Every structure is written in structure tokens, then in C-alpha cells.
């Protein structure tokens, strides 16, 4: 682990068991942790302006290297002043490496993989070859052949001007056997060395680099990867991989990984962000989370809510809400709940009006921001265990740990 204050400073402010609060200082500002990171996949958090995302309390967003590389292209973004200026976001940005997108091209989405469905068939958006140098694939936009390797990934992230760049990795499917997973993990480590070498020569001086821990669901591989990445000249560590077939296995993977990470460095759990996953990950010492859940659910008419029996969500498109005058969730401070009824959002979502998506995105992002804000407050009061259990039992996060569970 390297320590360069020009790239990143991380100070732990409070602890409650393994859970901790901290302050992450980056080139474009500070981030209070633990924090949830909305996805700005193509330079935009779906349906929202950058100022609206900041207004909800978010201090860090994640841009997608793979998609921005294909369109509009890193050269154009760089020529227009970098991703911050391009999207009108003045706060920090983290960019992923493109490794997970390669995984989805080769194996399908995580759900496809778990259910045994095959990845995309030859044509647009397919992997042609995964080799030591990198990955050859066809663009999902026009079918053109593209190449992405460690150096290329770092060059794209440098051109985008991200505050944090993730090292290029190979994300292995959860069901891969141990030998394949071990070989893949070792390749990820070689790619990490190449990413760091490129960055030392050509990377932006104030850009931090996080390494990624792989190793599947195998405890010895996760431990070896955590120790190897922590010992490298990285500024922080991300926990990657699909993390198992269910939540119990995912929590087990995090639990077998976190104790072997550098305790002074920020820890980022990639692609995980449902309400129960957040409080469970925070309990295990994770500082940062990113996930498409709040925006993806909104596209399908789903609102986050303190409903553990239904995976902390409900479908506003259901007929029972057509004349419901209540807000999406009682007491929620989001703009949707402050001014609109379930009946209105039901109508918009059923009609596939874009305003319906916007209102649900505003609600879902507010829900998760209030959840991690409440976690920070609970850790500072050394009451995180109570807060976590209250959230898991169905207490709205803005009500705090002391109140009894209630419905939406």
C-alpha cells in the first residue's frame, strides 16, 4: 500500500466493532464514509442532473470505463475538459476498469450466470478472446473489434480524469472450479502490476488507484489475493467478483476477505448495494459501495421501502396503488414523497412516463443516502449493531436505531 497525500488521504474517525466511519480526501473533494456511490454509467446518473445528485447528499459517483470508451470515447471527453466538466459534476469520480463488463459479455449478467443461461451469442457485444495481454471483443454498438487490457484501461481512466481508477481485472464466474479461479486470480495480479507500472509512468499525478481482490468463493484464494493486493503500491482495495450465488455466501466471502486487507486503507465493495447488503457490509468493515439497484429498480416501477419480507421494495405499478394518496414511504424526505402520491407515481410508471422514472430514482437514491448517513451516525454513537438490526427489521433509516419497526 502506498501513501501519497496528493492522490488520496483516508482518516478513520470512529469505530464500532469492525464498522467504521472515515473521511476520504480526493482531488475533487472529500467523501464521508461509509458511503453509497450512484452509478453515472455513461456520464449521467439516470434521469438526473449532476446538481440533483449532489443535492441528495452524494459526494462521489462512478463512471463506466467500458461504456465511455466505446462512446463518446476518452479522447473526446478529455478534449472537452474531462469527465467532471463533461457531466457538470464538481465532486469526486471513481471509474471502474471495464473488467466486469468483459465478464458480462463472456458469461452474461450475474443472474444469467447463476441460472445457467449462456452469454451473448456471436455478433455485437461478444468476447472474442481473453488472453494474457487483455481482451478482444466486439462493440455492442456497431460490432467493431475492440481491445481492452491493463494499459488501455488505465489510459482511458486517465483521459476521463477520474479521482480513483480501478485496476483492470478478470472477474471470474462464481461456479468456476478452484484451478480456473486461481489462474484467473494470478492473471489479475499480473494485470495489477502492469496497471501500476503504466500509471507510475503516465498516470495523472493526483489520480488514486485501487487494486481488486478476486478469488471466487475460495477462502485460501481470497486471503492470498487480499494480502497480495494490500501489499502492492495501491491507494485502496476493492472487493470484486460475483461473490457467490446468494447473500449468505456473499457475506461469507466478504467476511473471509476483509480481515486480510490493510486496515488503514479504504475498502470498496463492487456492485453491491441493496439495503440489507449495505448494513451487513458496513458491519464487516466496508467503506464504499456501488450498485445499479436504485436506478434499475426505478426503471421497473420499484420503490425502496422498509419491507424486509419483500427485499426492501414494492412494485408501485400494482393495481392496489392506483388510488393510494399516501407518499411512497411515510416520512421519506425525498422530493417524490414530499410532493406526490403513490397514485400519481403509479400512473406515471404504468404510462412509462419519464417523470415516473425520475421520481423513483430520486426516492431510491434518497433512501440509500439516508441509510448510510444513519449508519455513520450510529457508528459514531457506538450503536451500529442496534441500527443494523432496526434496518433489517424494517425501521426506516431516517428514524434511527431506537424506534420500533414500521411498514412503508
Protein backbone atom coordinates (compact mmCIF):
# COMPACT_ATOMS: atom_id res chain seq x y z
CA UNK A 1 0.00 0.00 0.00
CA UNK A 2 1.37 3.40 -0.91
CA UNK A 3 0.77 6.65 0.92
CA UNK A 4 0.70 9.72 -1.32
CA UNK A 5 -1.36 12.61 0.10
CA UNK A 6 -1.57 14.19 -3.36
CA UNK A 7 -3.61 11.19 -4.53
CA UNK A 8 -5.67 10.21 -1.52
CA UNK A 9 -5.93 10.70 2.22
CA UNK A 10 -8.08 8.46 4.39
CA UNK A 11 -8.66 9.08 8.06
CA UNK A 12 -10.78 6.78 10.22
CA UNK A 13 -12.88 8.86 12.60
CA UNK A 14 -14.81 6.29 14.67
CA UNK A 15 -15.17 2.54 15.10
CA UNK A 16 -17.91 0.28 16.41
CA UNK A 17 -16.67 -3.29 16.14
CA UNK A 18 -15.45 -3.75 12.56
CA UNK A 19 -17.74 -0.95 11.33
CA UNK A 20 -16.04 2.40 10.92
CA UNK A 21 -16.56 5.95 9.75
CA UNK A 22 -13.95 7.94 7.90
CA UNK A 23 -13.12 10.82 5.61
CA UNK A 24 -11.72 10.14 2.16
CA UNK A 25 -9.94 13.18 0.68
CA UNK A 26 -9.58 13.10 -3.11
CA UNK A 27 -8.53 15.54 -5.81
CA UNK A 28 -12.05 16.95 -6.21
CA UNK A 29 -13.14 16.94 -2.59
CA UNK A 30 -13.95 14.84 0.44
CA UNK A 31 -16.21 11.81 0.88
CA UNK A 32 -17.64 10.82 4.25
CA UNK A 33 -17.63 7.03 4.69
CA UNK A 34 -19.30 4.59 4.74
CA UNK A 35 -20.85 5.84 1.52
CA UNK A 36 -23.03 4.55 -1.28
CA UNK A 37 -21.91 5.54 -4.80
CA UNK A 38 -24.54 6.08 -7.51
CA UNK A 39 -23.66 4.86 -10.99
CA UNK A 40 -23.10 7.52 -13.64
CA UNK A 41 -22.57 4.81 -16.23
CA UNK A 42 -22.42 7.00 -19.33
CA UNK A 43 -21.63 10.25 -17.58
CA UNK A 44 -25.10 10.56 -16.05
CA UNK A 45 -26.98 9.18 -13.07
CA UNK A 46 -30.06 8.01 -14.92
CA UNK A 47 -32.66 10.78 -15.41
CA UNK A 48 -30.96 13.24 -13.02
CA UNK A 49 -28.77 16.30 -13.49
CA UNK A 50 -25.46 16.28 -11.62
CA UNK A 51 -26.69 19.10 -9.39
CA UNK A 52 -29.69 16.98 -8.34
CA UNK A 53 -27.43 14.09 -7.34
CA UNK A 54 -25.28 16.46 -5.27
CA UNK A 55 -28.44 17.93 -3.75
CA UNK A 56 -29.40 14.49 -2.43
CA UNK A 57 -26.16 14.45 -0.44
CA UNK A 58 -23.91 12.33 -2.66
CA UNK A 59 -20.22 13.16 -2.79
CA UNK A 60 -18.92 10.50 -5.20
CA UNK A 61 -20.25 8.89 -8.40
CA UNK A 62 -18.96 6.05 -10.57
CA UNK A 63 -18.37 6.32 -14.31
CA UNK A 64 -18.17 3.28 -16.56
CA UNK A 65 -14.84 2.90 -18.38
CA UNK A 66 -16.16 0.28 -20.80
CA UNK A 67 -19.17 2.26 -22.00
CA UNK A 68 -17.42 5.65 -22.08
CA UNK A 69 -14.55 4.11 -24.04
CA UNK A 70 -16.98 2.99 -26.76
CA UNK A 71 -18.97 6.24 -26.79
CA UNK A 72 -18.28 9.14 -26.80
CA UNK A 73 -14.68 7.96 -26.43
CA UNK A 74 -11.97 9.04 -23.97
CA UNK A 75 -10.30 11.42 -26.42
CA UNK A 76 -13.49 13.42 -26.86
CA UNK A 77 -14.16 13.54 -23.13
CA UNK A 78 -10.57 14.67 -22.50
CA UNK A 79 -10.83 17.34 -25.20
CA UNK A 80 -13.97 18.67 -23.52
CA UNK A 81 -12.23 19.08 -20.18
CA UNK A 82 -12.50 15.61 -18.63
CA UNK A 83 -15.45 13.74 -17.21
CA UNK A 84 -16.06 16.20 -14.35
CA UNK A 85 -16.55 19.11 -16.71
CA UNK A 86 -18.28 16.99 -19.35
CA UNK A 87 -21.05 15.90 -16.98
CA UNK A 88 -21.09 19.03 -14.81
CA UNK A 89 -20.06 17.20 -11.64
CA UNK A 90 -17.55 19.08 -9.45
CA UNK A 91 -17.15 16.37 -6.80
CA UNK A 92 -15.03 13.18 -6.92
CA UNK A 93 -15.49 10.45 -9.53
CA UNK A 94 -14.37 6.82 -9.49
CA UNK A 95 -14.18 4.84 -12.72
CA UNK A 96 -14.33 1.06 -12.98
CA UNK A 97 -11.79 -0.85 -15.03
CA UNK A 98 -14.03 -2.46 -17.65
CA UNK A 99 -13.30 -5.91 -16.26
CA UNK A 100 -16.84 -6.56 -15.05
CA UNK A 101 -18.30 -5.58 -18.42
CA UNK A 102 -16.00 -8.09 -20.10
CA UNK A 103 -17.33 -10.65 -17.64
CA UNK A 104 -20.91 -9.93 -18.66
CA UNK A 105 -20.03 -10.22 -22.35
CA UNK A 106 -18.39 -13.60 -21.78
CA UNK A 107 -20.82 -15.09 -19.26
CA UNK A 108 -23.96 -12.96 -19.40
CA UNK A 109 -25.27 -10.98 -16.45
CA UNK A 110 -24.77 -12.33 -12.94
CA UNK A 111 -28.38 -13.58 -12.98
CA UNK A 112 -27.72 -15.35 -16.28
CA UNK A 113 -24.65 -17.00 -14.85
CA UNK A 114 -26.33 -18.18 -11.66
CA UNK A 115 -29.31 -19.55 -13.58
CA UNK A 116 -27.10 -21.33 -16.10
CA UNK A 117 -28.04 -19.21 -19.11
CA UNK A 118 -25.41 -18.73 -21.78
CA UNK A 119 -23.74 -15.43 -22.55
CA UNK A 120 -24.45 -13.49 -25.71
CA UNK A 121 -24.12 -15.34 -28.98
CA UNK A 122 -21.54 -14.26 -31.61
CA UNK A 123 -22.27 -10.86 -33.13
CA UNK A 124 -22.36 -7.48 -31.47
CA UNK A 125 -21.22 -7.33 -27.86
CA UNK A 126 -19.26 -10.57 -27.58
CA UNK A 127 -15.84 -11.51 -26.26
CA UNK A 128 -13.53 -12.88 -28.94
CA UNK A 129 -10.55 -13.74 -26.76
CA UNK A 130 -9.37 -13.36 -23.17
CA UNK A 131 -5.58 -13.65 -23.14
CA UNK A 132 -2.57 -12.53 -21.16
CA UNK A 133 -2.39 -9.19 -22.92
CA UNK A 134 -6.06 -8.36 -22.44
CA UNK A 135 -9.47 -8.91 -24.03
CA UNK A 136 -10.58 -8.68 -27.64
CA UNK A 137 -14.30 -8.13 -28.08
CA UNK A 138 -16.90 -6.74 -30.42
CA UNK A 139 -18.60 -3.47 -29.56
CA UNK A 140 -22.26 -3.80 -28.67
CA UNK A 141 -22.80 -0.51 -30.53
CA UNK A 142 -21.56 -1.32 -34.02
CA UNK A 143 -19.89 -4.74 -33.93
CA UNK A 144 -16.39 -3.29 -34.41
CA UNK A 145 -13.49 -5.21 -32.91
CA UNK A 146 -12.05 -3.59 -29.79
CA UNK A 147 -9.24 -4.37 -27.36
CA UNK A 148 -9.00 -3.65 -23.65
CA UNK A 149 -6.03 -4.56 -21.50
CA UNK A 150 -4.41 -3.18 -18.34
CA UNK A 151 -2.62 -0.34 -20.09
CA UNK A 152 -5.62 0.54 -22.25
CA UNK A 153 -7.93 0.58 -19.24
CA UNK A 154 -5.62 2.88 -17.31
CA UNK A 155 -5.21 5.16 -20.34
CA UNK A 156 -8.99 5.52 -20.69
CA UNK A 157 -9.38 6.29 -16.99
CA UNK A 158 -6.54 8.81 -17.17
CA UNK A 159 -8.21 10.56 -20.11
CA UNK A 160 -11.52 10.66 -18.24
CA UNK A 161 -9.73 12.28 -15.30
CA UNK A 162 -11.23 10.16 -12.54
CA UNK A 163 -10.17 10.78 -8.94
CA UNK A 164 -9.95 6.99 -8.42
CA UNK A 165 -9.12 4.47 -11.15
CA UNK A 166 -9.71 0.76 -10.66
CA UNK A 167 -7.08 -1.68 -11.86
CA UNK A 168 -8.07 -3.95 -14.76
CA UNK A 169 -9.12 -7.40 -13.54
CA UNK A 170 -10.65 -10.65 -14.69
CA UNK A 171 -13.97 -11.21 -12.95
CA UNK A 172 -14.47 -14.96 -12.75
CA UNK A 173 -17.89 -16.66 -12.53
CA UNK A 174 -18.82 -18.00 -9.10
CA UNK A 175 -19.21 -21.57 -10.36
CA UNK A 176 -15.69 -21.79 -11.87
CA UNK A 177 -13.58 -24.55 -10.34
CA UNK A 178 -10.75 -23.73 -7.98
CA UNK A 179 -7.95 -24.23 -10.54
CA UNK A 180 -9.56 -21.88 -13.06
CA UNK A 181 -10.29 -19.32 -10.33
CA UNK A 182 -6.67 -19.49 -9.11
CA UNK A 183 -5.27 -18.96 -12.61
CA UNK A 184 -7.66 -16.08 -13.17
CA UNK A 185 -6.71 -14.50 -9.84
CA UNK A 186 -2.99 -14.75 -10.66
CA UNK A 187 -3.62 -13.09 -14.03
CA UNK A 188 -5.49 -10.30 -12.23
CA UNK A 189 -2.40 -9.77 -10.07
CA UNK A 190 -0.12 -9.61 -13.11
CA UNK A 191 -2.52 -7.14 -14.67
CA UNK A 192 -2.42 -5.09 -11.46
CA UNK A 193 1.36 -4.83 -11.72
CA UNK A 194 1.02 -3.63 -15.32
CA UNK A 195 -1.65 -1.09 -14.36
CA UNK A 196 0.56 0.33 -11.62
CA UNK A 197 3.61 0.43 -13.89
CA UNK A 198 1.66 2.33 -16.56
CA UNK A 199 0.18 4.69 -14.01
CA UNK A 200 3.58 5.46 -12.47
CA UNK A 201 4.90 6.39 -15.92
CA UNK A 202 1.91 8.20 -17.42
CA UNK A 203 -0.99 8.46 -15.00
CA UNK A 204 -2.37 11.73 -13.62
CA UNK A 205 -0.39 12.82 -10.58
CA UNK A 206 -3.47 13.24 -8.37
CA UNK A 207 -5.34 10.11 -9.53
CA UNK A 208 -5.54 7.30 -6.95
CA UNK A 209 -5.53 3.62 -7.98
CA UNK A 210 -7.45 0.81 -6.27
CA UNK A 211 -6.50 -2.84 -6.74
CA UNK A 212 -9.20 -5.50 -6.95
CA UNK A 213 -9.37 -8.67 -4.84
CA UNK A 214 -10.69 -11.73 -6.67
CA UNK A 215 -10.51 -15.40 -5.70
CA UNK A 216 -14.09 -16.61 -6.09
CA UNK A 217 -15.65 -18.27 -3.06
CA UNK A 218 -12.41 -19.99 -2.00
CA UNK A 219 -11.15 -18.81 1.38
CA UNK A 220 -7.47 -19.50 0.73
CA UNK A 221 -7.57 -17.68 -2.60
CA UNK A 222 -9.41 -14.70 -1.13
CA UNK A 223 -6.87 -14.47 1.67
CA UNK A 224 -3.95 -14.71 -0.77
CA UNK A 225 -5.49 -12.09 -3.06
CA UNK A 226 -6.26 -9.71 -0.17
CA UNK A 227 -2.69 -9.92 1.09
CA UNK A 228 -1.20 -9.60 -2.42
CA UNK A 229 -3.25 -6.55 -3.39
CA UNK A 230 -2.78 -4.88 0.01
CA UNK A 231 0.99 -5.26 -0.36
CA UNK A 232 1.00 -3.61 -3.81
CA UNK A 233 1.51 0.13 -4.40
CA UNK A 234 -2.25 0.84 -4.44
CA UNK A 235 -4.18 3.59 -2.67
CA UNK A 236 -7.15 1.41 -1.74
CA UNK A 237 -8.66 -2.01 -2.26
CA UNK A 238 -11.88 -3.11 -3.95
CA UNK A 239 -13.52 -6.48 -3.31
CA UNK A 240 -14.63 -7.89 -6.66
CA UNK A 241 -16.18 -10.98 -8.15
CA UNK A 242 -19.81 -12.09 -8.18
CA UNK A 243 -19.37 -13.06 -4.52
CA UNK A 244 -21.39 -16.25 -4.63
CA UNK A 245 -24.84 -17.45 -5.55
CA UNK A 246 -26.77 -15.88 -2.65
CA UNK A 247 -26.49 -13.29 0.10
CA UNK A 248 -25.26 -15.73 2.71
CA UNK A 249 -22.36 -16.81 0.51
CA UNK A 250 -21.65 -13.18 -0.41
CA UNK A 251 -21.40 -12.18 3.25
CA UNK A 252 -19.12 -15.16 3.80
CA UNK A 253 -16.79 -14.02 1.01
CA UNK A 254 -16.61 -10.50 2.45
CA UNK A 255 -16.00 -11.93 5.91
CA UNK A 256 -13.14 -14.08 4.70
CA UNK A 257 -11.60 -11.17 2.76
CA UNK A 258 -11.88 -8.04 4.92
CA UNK A 259 -9.70 -9.22 7.84
CA UNK A 260 -6.74 -9.64 5.47
CA UNK A 261 -6.93 -6.15 3.95
CA UNK A 262 -4.81 -3.21 5.04
CA UNK A 263 -6.81 -1.73 7.90
CA UNK A 264 -5.66 1.82 7.16
CA UNK A 265 -6.80 1.81 3.52
CA UNK A 266 -10.30 2.46 2.11
CA UNK A 267 -12.29 -0.65 1.17
CA UNK A 268 -14.76 -0.68 -1.72
CA UNK A 269 -17.29 -3.46 -2.32
CA UNK A 270 -18.02 -3.57 -6.06
CA UNK A 271 -21.55 -3.92 -7.43
CA UNK A 272 -23.36 -4.44 -4.11
CA UNK A 273 -25.91 -2.02 -2.67
CA UNK A 274 -29.29 -3.33 -1.52
CA UNK A 275 -30.30 -2.04 1.93
CA UNK A 276 -29.54 -5.26 3.82
CA UNK A 277 -26.26 -5.70 1.90
CA UNK A 278 -25.19 -2.20 2.89
CA UNK A 279 -25.67 -2.63 6.63
CA UNK A 280 -24.14 -6.12 6.52
CA UNK A 281 -21.12 -4.87 4.54
CA UNK A 282 -20.62 -1.91 6.85
CA UNK A 283 -20.68 -4.32 9.81
CA UNK A 284 -17.78 -6.17 8.18
CA UNK A 285 -15.69 -3.02 7.73
CA UNK A 286 -16.50 -1.93 4.16
CA UNK A 287 -16.29 1.81 3.44
CA UNK A 288 -17.65 2.25 -0.11
CA UNK A 289 -20.38 0.55 -2.13
CA UNK A 290 -21.61 0.98 -5.69
CA UNK A 291 -24.61 -0.63 -7.34
CA UNK A 292 -27.20 -0.11 -10.09
CA UNK A 293 -30.06 -1.13 -7.77
CA UNK A 294 -31.67 2.29 -7.10
CA UNK A 295 -31.82 3.31 -10.77
CA UNK A 296 -32.52 -0.15 -12.18
CA UNK A 297 -35.44 -0.67 -9.81
CA UNK A 298 -36.84 2.73 -10.78
CA UNK A 299 -36.96 1.75 -14.44
CA UNK A 300 -39.18 -1.18 -13.47
CA UNK A 301 -41.53 0.74 -11.20
CA UNK A 302 -39.97 -0.44 -7.94
CA UNK A 303 -39.59 1.77 -4.86
CA UNK A 304 -37.21 1.03 -2.00
CA UNK A 305 -39.04 0.72 1.31
CA UNK A 306 -38.55 -0.69 4.84
CA UNK A 307 -40.06 -4.05 3.83
CA UNK A 308 -37.61 -6.86 4.63
CA UNK A 309 -40.16 -9.53 3.65
CA UNK A 310 -40.17 -8.25 0.04
CA UNK A 311 -36.46 -7.48 -0.31
CA UNK A 312 -36.91 -3.87 0.82
CA UNK A 313 -39.02 -2.84 -2.19
CA UNK A 314 -42.52 -2.79 -3.61
CA UNK A 315 -43.97 -2.50 -7.10
CA UNK A 316 -45.78 0.82 -7.47
CA UNK A 317 -47.37 -0.41 -10.71
CA UNK A 318 -49.62 -2.82 -8.83
CA UNK A 319 -53.33 -2.02 -9.11
CA UNK A 320 -53.74 -1.58 -5.36
CA UNK A 321 -51.83 1.73 -5.55
CA UNK A 322 -53.95 3.32 -8.30
CA UNK A 323 -55.90 5.50 -5.84
CA UNK A 324 -53.46 5.50 -2.90
CA UNK A 325 -52.96 9.05 -1.64
CA UNK A 326 -50.03 8.23 0.65
CA UNK A 327 -46.41 9.00 -0.30
CA UNK A 328 -44.19 6.16 -1.48
CA UNK A 329 -42.85 5.77 2.08
CA UNK A 330 -44.23 7.70 5.06
CA UNK A 331 -41.69 10.16 6.44
CA UNK A 332 -39.31 9.89 3.50
CA UNK A 333 -37.66 13.29 2.86
CA UNK A 334 -37.22 12.77 -0.91
CA UNK A 335 -38.81 15.18 -3.47
CA UNK A 336 -41.17 12.45 -4.71
CA UNK A 337 -42.60 11.68 -1.28
CA UNK A 338 -42.74 15.37 -0.31
CA UNK A 339 -44.98 16.38 -3.22
CA UNK A 340 -46.60 13.33 -4.82
CA UNK A 341 -48.82 10.38 -4.01
CA UNK A 342 -48.41 6.72 -4.76
CA UNK A 343 -51.36 7.07 -7.12
CA UNK A 344 -49.52 9.68 -9.19
CA UNK A 345 -46.28 7.69 -9.39
CA UNK A 346 -48.34 4.57 -10.16
CA UNK A 347 -49.99 6.36 -13.08
CA UNK A 348 -46.70 7.73 -14.44
CA UNK A 349 -44.91 4.41 -14.15
CA UNK A 350 -47.72 2.44 -15.77
CA UNK A 351 -47.81 5.02 -18.57
CA UNK A 352 -43.99 4.75 -18.91
CA UNK A 353 -43.62 8.49 -18.46
CA UNK A 354 -40.02 9.59 -17.86
CA UNK A 355 -41.14 11.66 -14.89
CA UNK A 356 -42.14 8.44 -13.17
CA UNK A 357 -38.61 7.09 -13.52
CA UNK A 358 -37.17 10.38 -12.26
CA UNK A 359 -39.34 10.41 -9.16
CA UNK A 360 -38.48 6.81 -8.32
CA UNK A 361 -34.75 7.44 -8.86
CA UNK A 362 -34.95 10.46 -6.54
CA UNK A 363 -36.73 8.35 -3.94
CA UNK A 364 -34.47 5.31 -4.17
CA UNK A 365 -31.27 7.34 -4.06
CA UNK A 366 -32.58 9.31 -1.09
CA UNK A 367 -33.41 6.06 0.69
CA UNK A 368 -29.86 4.72 0.34
CA UNK A 369 -28.20 8.04 1.16
CA UNK A 370 -30.21 8.28 4.36
CA UNK A 371 -29.35 4.66 5.15
CA UNK A 372 -25.57 5.21 5.01
CA UNK A 373 -25.91 8.59 6.74
CA UNK A 374 -27.74 6.84 9.57
CA UNK A 375 -25.03 4.19 9.68
CA UNK A 376 -22.33 6.85 10.10
CA UNK A 377 -24.27 8.47 12.93
CA UNK A 378 -24.88 5.11 14.63
CA UNK A 379 -21.19 4.16 14.45
CA UNK A 380 -20.20 7.48 15.98
CA UNK A 381 -22.61 6.76 18.86
CA UNK A 382 -21.35 3.15 19.09
CA UNK A 383 -24.87 1.92 18.35
CA UNK A 384 -24.36 0.47 14.90
CA UNK A 385 -25.46 -3.01 15.98
CA UNK A 386 -28.82 -1.58 17.06
CA UNK A 387 -29.12 0.45 13.87
CA UNK A 388 -28.31 -2.51 11.64
CA UNK A 389 -30.88 -4.70 13.36
CA UNK A 390 -33.51 -1.97 13.17
CA UNK A 391 -32.96 -1.60 9.42
CA UNK A 392 -33.11 -5.36 8.92
CA UNK A 393 -36.32 -5.48 10.97
CA UNK A 394 -38.00 -2.80 8.88
CA UNK A 395 -37.33 0.54 10.55
CA UNK A 396 -36.96 3.38 8.01
CA UNK A 397 -33.33 4.53 8.06
CA UNK A 398 -34.19 8.16 8.80
CA UNK A 399 -35.93 7.18 12.04
CA UNK A 400 -32.77 5.85 13.68
CA UNK A 401 -31.98 2.71 15.64
CA UNK A 402 -34.11 3.42 18.70
CA UNK A 403 -37.52 3.19 17.04
CA UNK A 404 -39.63 0.13 16.52
CA UNK A 405 -40.03 -1.33 13.03
CA UNK A 406 -42.80 0.03 10.86
CA UNK A 407 -44.13 -0.51 7.36
CA UNK A 408 -43.91 1.73 4.29
